[in-house]
Amino acid sequence: MADPLLTVTSQPAPGAKRREEPLCGRGQKDRASSDPQQSLQEAVSLLGSDDWELKEKGLFSIQHLAGSHSEVLLCRLREVCLALTSEVTNLRSKVSYSAIVTLGELFVTLKKDMDSEVDEVARVLLQMVSNSPEFVRKAASQTLGIMVENVTPARAMTALMDMGVNCPAPVRQCAAQLLLSLMQRIGVTKLAGTAWAERLAHVAGKLAQDCHKDTRHYGQEMVKMLLTHQQFKMLLEQSLSPRDLEDILTRIKKKGMANQKAEGPSVKEPVKERNGGSKKPQATLSSSKRWIFDYFVLRISDSHKKVKQRALDVLAEITGALKDALNPVIIGLVEGITKNLNSKDARVRGAAVKALEESIAHLDQVSLLKEFSYQWNHLSGQALLDVTERITVLVQWVHARSPAVVQCDALPVLWSFLENKALPVRSANVRTVATKLASALYKVMGTQLKKCAASKPPHVRENLSKMLGW
């Protein structure tokens, strides 16, 4: 049976709508090369030059070949794309820009033949969205939109979920917008039949709670679409805590009501409510918190160590006072804290550890366990061990409220330790941390842990037995 995602009706993606044609008027596509194979060889050789003007010439040649002799590019597509992605990160922004535009030309011309290159190209372009001059960022966003419009939707969607969600704010915003456009093209019915439907629900829920308002908007629109399908509704209920889902639904409802009004509210109305007593003070307070933390989270990741340390210190101080009121911004806070656990600056790391402890003491434990588990996959070194220890602490508390969350989010962390034979052997610290987690899970799951382990490879069962003394 054909993949339902191969038959999607083509509609322009956000980036593709704004696509520029900076090379029009050069007359390159109107002149067929007498020897396209030789032209391609020369173009690739020029890209290897140290002279940026020669690199530009090579890029223009590839654009010309894309329009006149695309079959030649297909024979060496991998080599060409690797050369282009290498130039995307060129320190000379003009070369970077031309390489990005050239990739867009390949997507327009070769379409689904570019499927095999989507992962690498998406990774590099998303990187440029995060930290580049404005015109380069714009070109990268446009080419990502062109990519989404022309390749197989499934490849584009998985690449964006893999590389665009746990990234800096500009990347998350770009990825969220493109994911929403893909969902609108594919439709929830076809999406529900894919193997990654559960993951899409998790990503949509995460983006809908993002600390940045534009990303949050796209995430909420994704959730709004998914809620129209019963399967996705169930997946969202499993992925999000009732409180988080309720918060998202409330915001979606308010946004819908606001859009229905022909005119915006008078500027005098909020003043009147503050003076006379707002009917919904909590909603107003929540909106204010979200706006403040959009900027506060940025300071947690500030490039200046003192600013970063002070932000973490303040976070630790206010967490106990605000408590559950911080749950709507828990994703951004946890991401900011965990990124600082590997800091070489002892004061920054100490502040991050303190903020981590305060979050466990005062924030929603189910939401924390889910987010710790998600962040765990992107951590290394001491940060990985720190977060594992906190997951261990949360296991008993969360299991009493939601055993399914422990099995879905904490248990995979243990398997990740045990599936790597080297981890429990080479490092005493890793072995100790993994053993504590295994013991905590066995304490709440009992024989069910053995049943879950029965489906794992022999070395996993053996490592687990040694840890628990079975």
Protein backbone atom coordinates (compact mmCIF):
# COMPACT_ATOMS: atom_id res chain seq x y z
CA MET A 1 0.00 0.00 0.00
CA ALA A 2 1.31 3.41 -0.90
CA ASP A 3 2.37 5.75 1.84
CA PRO A 4 -0.54 8.18 2.38
CA LEU A 5 1.95 10.97 2.92
CA LEU A 6 3.19 10.64 -0.67
CA THR A 7 -0.15 11.82 -2.06
CA VAL A 8 -0.50 15.09 -0.19
CA THR A 9 -1.89 18.01 -2.16
CA SER A 10 0.89 20.52 -2.60
CA GLN A 11 0.42 23.90 -0.92
CA PRO A 12 3.17 26.47 -0.44
CA ALA A 13 4.95 26.27 2.92
CA PRO A 14 5.49 29.51 4.87
CA GLY A 15 9.10 29.87 3.80
CA ALA A 16 8.33 29.00 0.20
CA LYS A 17 5.77 31.77 -0.15
CA ARG A 18 8.46 34.37 0.46
CA ARG A 19 10.99 32.74 -1.82
CA GLU A 20 13.26 35.17 -3.58
CA GLU A 21 14.95 34.67 -6.95
CA PRO A 22 18.22 36.56 -6.48
CA LEU A 23 19.79 35.01 -9.56
CA CYS A 24 17.09 35.84 -12.09
CA GLY A 25 18.27 37.94 -14.99
CA ARG A 26 21.70 36.32 -15.21
CA GLY A 27 20.63 34.31 -18.23
CA GLN A 28 22.19 31.15 -16.86
CA LYS A 29 19.20 28.86 -17.32
CA ASP A 30 18.80 29.88 -20.93
CA ARG A 31 22.26 28.66 -21.95
CA ALA A 32 22.60 24.90 -22.09
CA SER A 33 26.05 23.62 -21.27
CA SER A 34 27.76 21.80 -24.10
CA ASP A 35 29.33 19.37 -21.61
CA PRO A 36 27.28 19.25 -18.37
CA GLN A 37 29.44 16.51 -16.83
CA GLN A 38 32.53 18.63 -17.23
CA SER A 39 30.68 21.70 -15.95
CA LEU A 40 29.69 19.82 -12.79
CA GLN A 41 33.25 18.63 -12.22
CA GLU A 42 34.54 22.18 -12.57
CA ALA A 43 31.85 23.51 -10.24
CA VAL A 44 32.72 21.00 -7.51
CA SER A 45 36.42 21.84 -7.92
CA LEU A 46 35.67 25.55 -7.58
CA LEU A 47 33.83 24.92 -4.31
CA GLY A 48 37.05 23.44 -2.94
CA SER A 49 38.95 26.64 -3.67
CA ASP A 50 40.07 29.07 -0.96
CA ASP A 51 39.01 32.01 -3.13
CA TRP A 52 35.46 33.04 -2.23
CA GLU A 53 34.83 34.50 -5.69
CA LEU A 54 35.66 31.15 -7.26
CA LYS A 55 33.31 29.48 -4.78
CA GLU A 56 30.56 31.88 -5.92
CA LYS A 57 31.23 30.92 -9.52
CA GLY A 58 30.96 27.24 -8.64
CA LEU A 59 27.64 27.82 -6.85
CA PHE A 60 26.21 29.70 -9.84
CA SER A 61 27.27 26.82 -12.10
CA ILE A 62 25.39 24.30 -9.95
CA GLN A 63 22.29 26.50 -10.01
CA HIS A 64 22.54 26.61 -13.81
CA LEU A 65 22.88 22.81 -14.00
CA ALA A 66 19.89 22.37 -11.70
CA GLY A 67 17.76 24.23 -14.22
CA SER A 68 19.17 22.78 -17.44
CA HIS A 69 20.75 19.37 -16.68
CA SER A 70 19.32 18.11 -13.38
CA GLU A 71 19.98 14.48 -14.39
CA VAL A 72 23.71 15.18 -14.13
CA LEU A 73 23.33 16.31 -10.52
CA LEU A 74 21.41 13.15 -9.61
CA CYS A 75 24.45 11.02 -10.48
CA ARG A 76 26.56 12.82 -7.86
CA LEU A 77 23.84 14.21 -5.60
CA ARG A 78 25.39 13.15 -2.31
CA GLU A 79 28.75 14.68 -3.17
CA VAL A 80 27.17 17.92 -4.39
CA CYS A 81 24.96 18.30 -1.31
CA LEU A 82 27.85 17.71 1.06
CA ALA A 83 29.84 20.39 -0.74
CA LEU A 84 26.90 22.80 -0.56
CA THR A 85 26.14 22.23 3.14
CA SER A 86 29.81 22.79 3.87
CA GLU A 87 29.59 26.21 2.19
CA VAL A 88 26.38 27.08 4.06
CA THR A 89 28.49 27.57 7.17
CA ASN A 90 31.15 29.59 5.32
CA LEU A 91 32.28 32.57 7.37
CA ARG A 92 31.85 34.86 4.36
CA SER A 93 28.13 35.54 4.50
CA LYS A 94 27.81 36.11 0.75
CA VAL A 95 29.05 32.59 0.04
CA SER A 96 26.81 31.19 2.77
CA TYR A 97 23.81 32.97 1.28
CA SER A 98 24.55 31.70 -2.25
CA ALA A 99 24.95 28.12 -0.99
CA ILE A 100 21.59 28.33 0.79
CA VAL A 101 19.88 29.64 -2.34
CA THR A 102 21.52 26.89 -4.40
CA LEU A 103 20.07 24.24 -2.09
CA GLY A 104 16.67 25.82 -2.62
CA GLU A 105 17.15 25.48 -6.39
CA LEU A 106 17.93 21.78 -5.94
CA PHE A 107 14.76 21.23 -3.90
CA VAL A 108 12.66 23.02 -6.52
CA THR A 109 14.16 21.04 -9.39
CA LEU A 110 14.80 17.60 -7.91
CA LYS A 111 11.87 17.51 -5.44
CA LYS A 112 11.54 14.03 -3.85
CA ASP A 113 14.90 12.96 -5.25
CA MET A 114 16.29 15.17 -2.47
CA ASP A 115 14.67 13.01 0.24
CA SER A 116 17.96 11.31 1.07
CA GLU A 117 19.59 14.67 1.82
CA VAL A 118 16.83 16.15 3.98
CA ASP A 119 18.33 15.32 7.38
CA GLU A 120 21.74 16.87 6.75
CA VAL A 121 20.40 19.90 4.88
CA ALA A 122 17.74 20.60 7.53
CA ARG A 123 20.35 20.36 10.29
CA VAL A 124 22.64 22.92 8.66
CA LEU A 125 19.87 25.32 7.64
CA LEU A 126 18.30 25.28 11.11
CA GLN A 127 21.73 26.06 12.51
CA MET A 128 21.88 29.15 10.29
CA VAL A 129 18.43 30.27 11.45
CA SER A 130 19.79 30.49 14.98
CA ASN A 131 22.93 32.58 14.63
CA SER A 132 23.52 34.42 11.33
CA PRO A 133 23.11 37.84 9.73
CA GLU A 134 19.49 38.71 9.04
CA PHE A 135 19.62 38.18 5.28
CA VAL A 136 21.24 34.77 5.76
CA ARG A 137 18.63 33.78 8.37
CA LYS A 138 15.88 34.83 6.00
CA ALA A 139 17.38 32.80 3.15
CA ALA A 140 17.72 29.74 5.41
CA SER A 141 14.07 30.03 6.49
CA GLN A 142 12.96 30.40 2.86
CA THR A 143 14.93 27.37 1.73
CA LEU A 144 13.52 25.29 4.59
CA GLY A 145 10.07 26.31 3.39
CA ILE A 146 10.98 25.26 -0.15
CA MET A 147 12.28 21.95 1.21
CA VAL A 148 9.04 21.28 3.07
CA GLU A 149 7.03 22.06 -0.06
CA ASN A 150 8.95 19.72 -2.38
CA VAL A 151 10.23 16.64 -0.52
CA THR A 152 8.18 13.78 0.89
CA PRO A 153 6.22 15.28 3.82
CA ALA A 154 7.13 12.41 6.14
CA ARG A 155 10.87 13.03 5.68
CA ALA A 156 10.51 16.75 6.28
CA MET A 157 8.36 16.28 9.36
CA THR A 158 10.64 13.77 11.06
CA ALA A 159 13.69 15.94 10.33
CA LEU A 160 12.03 18.99 11.88
CA MET A 161 10.94 17.03 14.95
CA ASP A 162 14.44 15.56 15.32
CA MET A 163 16.40 18.79 14.94
CA GLY A 164 14.07 21.73 15.41
CA VAL A 165 12.39 21.28 18.79
CA ASN A 166 15.12 21.13 21.43
CA CYS A 167 17.05 24.11 20.02
CA PRO A 168 17.45 27.87 20.48
CA ALA A 169 14.30 29.99 20.28
CA PRO A 170 14.60 31.15 16.63
CA VAL A 171 15.03 27.55 15.48
CA ARG A 172 12.02 26.35 17.50
CA GLN A 173 9.89 29.11 16.03
CA CYS A 174 10.91 28.26 12.47
CA ALA A 175 10.43 24.52 13.00
CA ALA A 176 7.04 25.02 14.68
CA GLN A 177 5.76 27.13 11.80
CA LEU A 178 6.91 24.58 9.23
CA LEU A 179 5.49 21.65 11.21
CA LEU A 180 2.13 23.42 11.37
CA SER A 181 2.19 23.97 7.60
CA LEU A 182 2.95 20.28 7.05
CA MET A 183 0.10 19.24 9.33
CA GLN A 184 -2.27 21.48 7.41
CA ARG A 185 -1.18 19.93 4.11
CA ILE A 186 -1.28 16.32 5.29
CA GLY A 187 -4.37 16.43 7.49
CA VAL A 188 -4.88 14.83 10.90
CA THR A 189 -6.55 11.70 9.52
CA LYS A 190 -3.46 10.70 7.53
CA LEU A 191 -1.17 11.75 10.36
CA ALA A 192 -3.03 9.49 12.79
CA GLY A 193 -2.04 6.50 10.65
CA THR A 194 1.69 7.16 10.87
CA ALA A 195 4.19 5.45 13.15
CA TRP A 196 5.18 8.78 14.70
CA ALA A 197 1.71 10.01 15.67
CA GLU A 198 2.52 9.69 19.38
CA ARG A 199 5.72 11.66 18.96
CA LEU A 200 3.92 14.38 17.02
CA ALA A 201 1.43 14.77 19.88
CA HIS A 202 4.32 15.14 22.34
CA VAL A 203 6.07 17.72 20.14
CA ALA A 204 2.86 19.72 19.64
CA GLY A 205 2.22 19.77 23.39
CA LYS A 206 5.79 20.87 24.06
CA LEU A 207 5.67 23.68 21.50
CA ALA A 208 2.27 24.81 22.76
CA GLN A 209 3.90 25.54 26.14
CA ASP A 210 7.03 27.16 24.74
CA CYS A 211 8.34 30.22 26.55
CA HIS A 212 8.36 32.26 23.31
CA LYS A 213 4.98 33.54 22.16
CA ASP A 214 5.33 32.94 18.41
CA THR A 215 6.46 29.35 18.89
CA ARG A 216 3.73 28.90 21.46
CA HIS A 217 1.16 30.18 18.95
CA TYR A 218 2.16 27.64 16.30
CA GLY A 219 2.21 24.87 18.91
CA GLN A 220 -1.26 25.77 20.09
CA GLU A 221 -2.53 25.73 16.51
CA MET A 222 -1.01 22.25 16.15
CA VAL A 223 -2.76 21.06 19.30
CA LYS A 224 -6.01 22.63 18.09
CA MET A 225 -5.79 20.57 14.89
CA LEU A 226 -4.88 17.35 16.69
CA LEU A 227 -7.82 17.66 19.09
CA THR A 228 -10.21 17.22 16.16
CA HIS A 229 -9.13 13.57 15.91
CA GLN A 230 -10.01 11.11 18.67
CA GLN A 231 -6.72 9.22 18.51
CA PHE A 232 -4.66 12.38 18.83
CA LYS A 233 -6.90 13.60 21.62
CA MET A 234 -6.03 10.45 23.58
CA LEU A 235 -2.32 10.82 22.77
CA LEU A 236 -2.33 14.42 23.99
CA GLU A 237 -4.02 13.38 27.22
CA GLN A 238 -1.27 10.78 27.73
CA SER A 239 1.55 13.16 26.80
CA LEU A 240 0.44 16.15 28.88
CA SER A 241 -0.61 16.45 32.48
CA PRO A 242 -4.28 17.43 32.95
CA ARG A 243 -3.19 20.83 34.21
CA ASP A 244 -0.97 21.54 31.18
CA LEU A 245 -3.63 20.40 28.73
CA GLU A 246 -6.24 22.51 30.46
CA ASP A 247 -3.93 25.53 30.31
CA ILE A 248 -3.38 25.05 26.56
CA LEU A 249 -7.10 24.61 25.89
CA THR A 250 -7.91 27.74 27.88
CA ARG A 251 -5.45 29.78 25.83
CA ILE A 252 -6.77 28.37 22.55
CA LYS A 253 -10.34 29.20 23.60
CA LYS A 254 -9.41 32.75 24.58
CA LYS A 255 -7.57 33.26 21.31
CA GLY A 256 -10.60 32.04 19.37
CA MET A 257 -12.91 34.38 21.25
CA ALA A 258 -10.58 37.29 20.60
CA ASN A 259 -10.47 36.53 16.88
CA GLN A 260 -14.28 36.56 16.70
CA LYS A 261 -14.51 40.14 17.91
CA ALA A 262 -14.91 42.67 15.14
CA GLU A 263 -13.04 45.27 17.15
CA GLY A 264 -10.34 44.98 19.76
CA PRO A 265 -11.06 45.87 23.39
CA SER A 266 -10.85 49.47 24.48
CA VAL A 267 -7.59 50.45 26.10
CA LYS A 268 -9.65 51.72 29.01
CA GLU A 269 -11.15 48.29 29.78
CA PRO A 270 -8.08 46.72 31.44
CA VAL A 271 -7.61 49.85 33.56
CA LYS A 272 -11.21 49.68 34.69
CA GLU A 273 -10.81 46.02 35.62
CA ARG A 274 -7.69 46.70 37.65
CA ASN A 275 -9.35 49.53 39.50
CA GLY A 276 -12.65 47.78 40.07
CA GLY A 277 -11.42 44.25 40.40
CA SER A 278 -10.91 41.95 37.43
CA LYS A 279 -13.32 39.08 37.10
CA LYS A 280 -10.44 36.80 36.09
CA PRO A 281 -7.32 38.00 37.91
CA GLN A 282 -5.58 34.63 37.61
CA ALA A 283 -5.73 34.71 33.79
CA THR A 284 -4.26 38.22 33.75
CA LEU A 285 -1.53 37.19 36.16
CA SER A 286 -0.75 34.12 34.10
CA SER A 287 -0.38 36.17 30.93
CA SER A 288 1.93 38.57 32.74
CA LYS A 289 4.09 35.73 34.02
CA ARG A 290 4.37 34.23 30.55
CA TRP A 291 5.42 37.57 29.08
CA ILE A 292 8.04 38.09 31.78
CA PHE A 293 9.47 34.59 31.47
CA ASP A 294 9.76 34.89 27.71
CA TYR A 295 12.66 37.20 28.51
CA PHE A 296 13.79 35.65 31.79
CA VAL A 297 14.53 32.26 30.20
CA LEU A 298 16.84 33.99 27.74
CA ARG A 299 18.94 35.26 30.63
CA ILE A 300 19.38 31.72 31.96
CA SER A 301 21.22 30.97 28.71
CA ASP A 302 23.01 34.31 28.54
CA SER A 303 26.56 34.27 27.20
CA HIS A 304 27.78 36.27 30.22
CA LYS A 305 28.46 33.99 33.17
CA LYS A 306 27.50 36.53 35.83
CA VAL A 307 24.15 37.24 34.16
CA LYS A 308 23.51 33.52 33.81
CA GLN A 309 24.41 32.85 37.44
CA ARG A 310 22.25 35.69 38.73
CA ALA A 311 19.28 34.52 36.65
CA LEU A 312 19.59 31.01 38.09
CA ASP A 313 19.91 32.40 41.63
CA VAL A 314 16.75 34.47 41.16
CA LEU A 315 14.92 31.47 39.72
CA ALA A 316 15.80 29.40 42.78
CA GLU A 317 14.53 32.20 45.04
CA ILE A 318 11.18 32.75 43.30
CA THR A 319 10.32 29.10 42.61
CA GLY A 320 9.28 28.52 46.21
CA ALA A 321 7.06 31.63 46.16
CA LEU A 322 5.36 31.05 42.79
CA LYS A 323 5.22 27.23 42.98
CA ASP A 324 2.54 25.79 40.66
CA ALA A 325 2.09 29.16 38.98
CA LEU A 326 5.35 28.38 37.12
CA ASN A 327 3.99 25.16 35.59
CA PRO A 328 2.99 26.84 32.29
CA VAL A 329 6.63 27.78 31.68
CA ILE A 330 8.17 24.60 33.10
CA ILE A 331 9.56 23.40 29.76
CA GLY A 332 11.66 26.50 29.13
CA LEU A 333 12.87 26.59 32.73
CA VAL A 334 13.97 22.96 32.82
CA GLU A 335 15.71 23.30 29.48
CA GLY A 336 17.58 26.39 30.71
CA ILE A 337 18.59 24.79 34.01
CA THR A 338 19.82 21.49 32.58
CA LYS A 339 21.94 23.21 29.95
CA ASN A 340 23.95 24.83 32.75
CA LEU A 341 24.64 21.66 34.72
CA ASN A 342 27.78 21.00 32.68
CA SER A 343 29.11 24.55 33.11
CA LYS A 344 32.84 24.74 33.80
CA ASP A 345 32.15 27.71 36.05
CA ALA A 346 31.54 26.29 39.53
CA ARG A 347 29.25 29.17 40.51
CA VAL A 348 27.03 28.76 37.46
CA ARG A 349 26.82 25.01 37.98
CA GLY A 350 26.06 25.48 41.67
CA ALA A 351 23.27 27.92 40.85
CA ALA A 352 21.84 25.48 38.31
CA VAL A 353 21.87 22.62 40.84
CA LYS A 354 20.10 24.82 43.41
CA ALA A 355 17.45 25.84 40.86
CA LEU A 356 17.02 22.17 39.97
CA GLU A 357 16.41 21.22 43.59
CA GLU A 358 13.90 24.04 44.07
CA SER A 359 11.98 22.95 41.00
CA ILE A 360 11.64 19.42 42.39
CA ALA A 361 10.48 20.76 45.74
CA HIS A 362 7.81 23.11 44.39
CA LEU A 363 6.77 22.38 40.78
CA ASP A 364 4.41 19.76 39.34
CA GLN A 365 6.29 16.48 39.68
CA VAL A 366 4.56 14.66 36.83
CA SER A 367 5.43 17.44 34.39
CA LEU A 368 8.98 17.56 35.74
CA LEU A 369 9.53 13.84 35.26
CA LYS A 370 8.30 14.04 31.67
CA GLU A 371 10.53 16.99 30.88
CA PHE A 372 13.57 15.52 32.67
CA SER A 373 13.14 12.35 30.65
CA TYR A 374 12.96 14.33 27.43
CA GLN A 375 15.99 16.48 28.25
CA TRP A 376 17.95 13.40 29.37
CA ASN A 377 18.27 12.28 25.75
CA HIS A 378 20.11 15.50 24.90
CA LEU A 379 22.49 15.59 27.87
CA SER A 380 25.96 14.22 28.53
CA GLY A 381 28.55 14.08 31.29
CA GLN A 382 27.68 15.27 34.77
CA ALA A 383 24.43 16.87 33.62
CA LEU A 384 23.16 13.46 32.52
CA LEU A 385 23.94 11.99 35.93
CA ASP A 386 22.41 14.98 37.76
CA VAL A 387 19.14 14.66 35.90
CA THR A 388 19.08 10.87 36.35
CA GLU A 389 19.37 11.35 40.12
CA ARG A 390 16.39 13.74 40.05
CA ILE A 391 14.38 11.28 37.98
CA THR A 392 15.12 8.68 40.64
CA VAL A 393 13.82 11.01 43.34
CA LEU A 394 10.63 11.68 41.39
CA VAL A 395 9.83 8.03 40.59
CA GLN A 396 8.13 7.20 43.90
CA TRP A 397 6.13 10.45 44.07
CA VAL A 398 4.96 10.29 40.46
CA HIS A 399 4.11 6.59 40.55
CA ALA A 400 1.58 7.24 43.30
CA ARG A 401 -0.23 9.70 40.98
CA SER A 402 0.42 8.26 37.54
CA PRO A 403 2.10 4.84 37.20
CA ALA A 404 1.86 5.09 33.41
CA VAL A 405 4.11 8.18 33.36
CA VAL A 406 6.82 6.32 35.28
CA GLN A 407 6.68 3.43 32.84
CA CYS A 408 6.65 5.67 29.76
CA ASP A 409 9.21 8.27 30.86
CA ALA A 410 11.45 6.94 33.65
CA LEU A 411 11.81 3.31 32.55
CA PRO A 412 13.30 4.19 29.12
CA VAL A 413 16.08 6.06 30.93
CA LEU A 414 17.05 2.87 32.75
CA TRP A 415 16.99 0.86 29.51
CA SER A 416 19.25 3.44 27.90
CA PHE A 417 21.82 2.88 30.63
CA LEU A 418 21.58 -0.90 30.49
CA GLU A 419 21.59 -1.26 26.72
CA ASN A 420 25.11 0.16 26.60
CA LYS A 421 27.29 -2.58 28.04
CA ALA A 422 30.12 -0.16 28.82
CA LEU A 423 28.13 2.21 30.99
CA PRO A 424 27.65 0.09 34.13
CA VAL A 425 31.22 -1.22 33.94
CA ARG A 426 33.59 1.65 33.18
CA SER A 427 32.28 4.35 35.47
CA ALA A 428 31.58 3.88 39.16
CA ASN A 429 29.50 7.05 39.20
CA VAL A 430 27.36 5.91 36.30
CA ARG A 431 26.92 2.47 37.84
CA THR A 432 25.87 3.98 41.16
CA VAL A 433 23.36 6.36 39.59
CA ALA A 434 21.90 3.67 37.32
CA THR A 435 21.61 1.22 40.24
CA LYS A 436 19.69 3.78 42.33
CA LEU A 437 17.28 4.35 39.46
CA ALA A 438 16.79 0.61 38.96
CA SER A 439 16.14 0.15 42.70
CA ALA A 440 13.61 2.99 42.76
CA LEU A 441 11.75 1.55 39.78
CA TYR A 442 11.76 -1.95 41.27
CA LYS A 443 10.41 -0.58 44.54
CA VAL A 444 7.31 0.89 42.88
CA MET A 445 6.88 -1.55 39.96
CA GLY A 446 7.82 -4.83 41.65
CA THR A 447 7.58 -7.90 39.40
CA GLN A 448 6.26 -5.73 36.59
CA LEU A 449 9.83 -4.50 36.08
CA LYS A 450 10.92 -8.10 35.47
CA LYS A 451 8.13 -8.56 32.95
CA CYS A 452 9.19 -5.40 31.11
CA ALA A 453 12.81 -6.57 31.12
CA ALA A 454 11.85 -9.94 29.62
CA SER A 455 11.51 -8.39 26.16
CA LYS A 456 14.97 -6.77 26.33
CA PRO A 457 18.25 -8.22 24.98
CA PRO A 458 20.11 -10.74 27.19
CA HIS A 459 22.87 -8.31 28.23
CA VAL A 460 20.24 -5.84 29.47
CA ARG A 461 18.57 -8.48 31.62
CA GLU A 462 21.95 -9.59 32.90
CA ASN A 463 22.99 -6.05 33.87
CA LEU A 464 19.66 -5.46 35.59
CA SER A 465 20.00 -8.71 37.54
CA LYS A 466 23.46 -7.74 38.75
CA MET A 467 22.26 -4.32 39.83
CA LEU A 468 19.30 -5.63 41.81
CA GLY A 469 20.88 -8.89 43.00
CA TRP A 470 18.28 -11.13 41.37
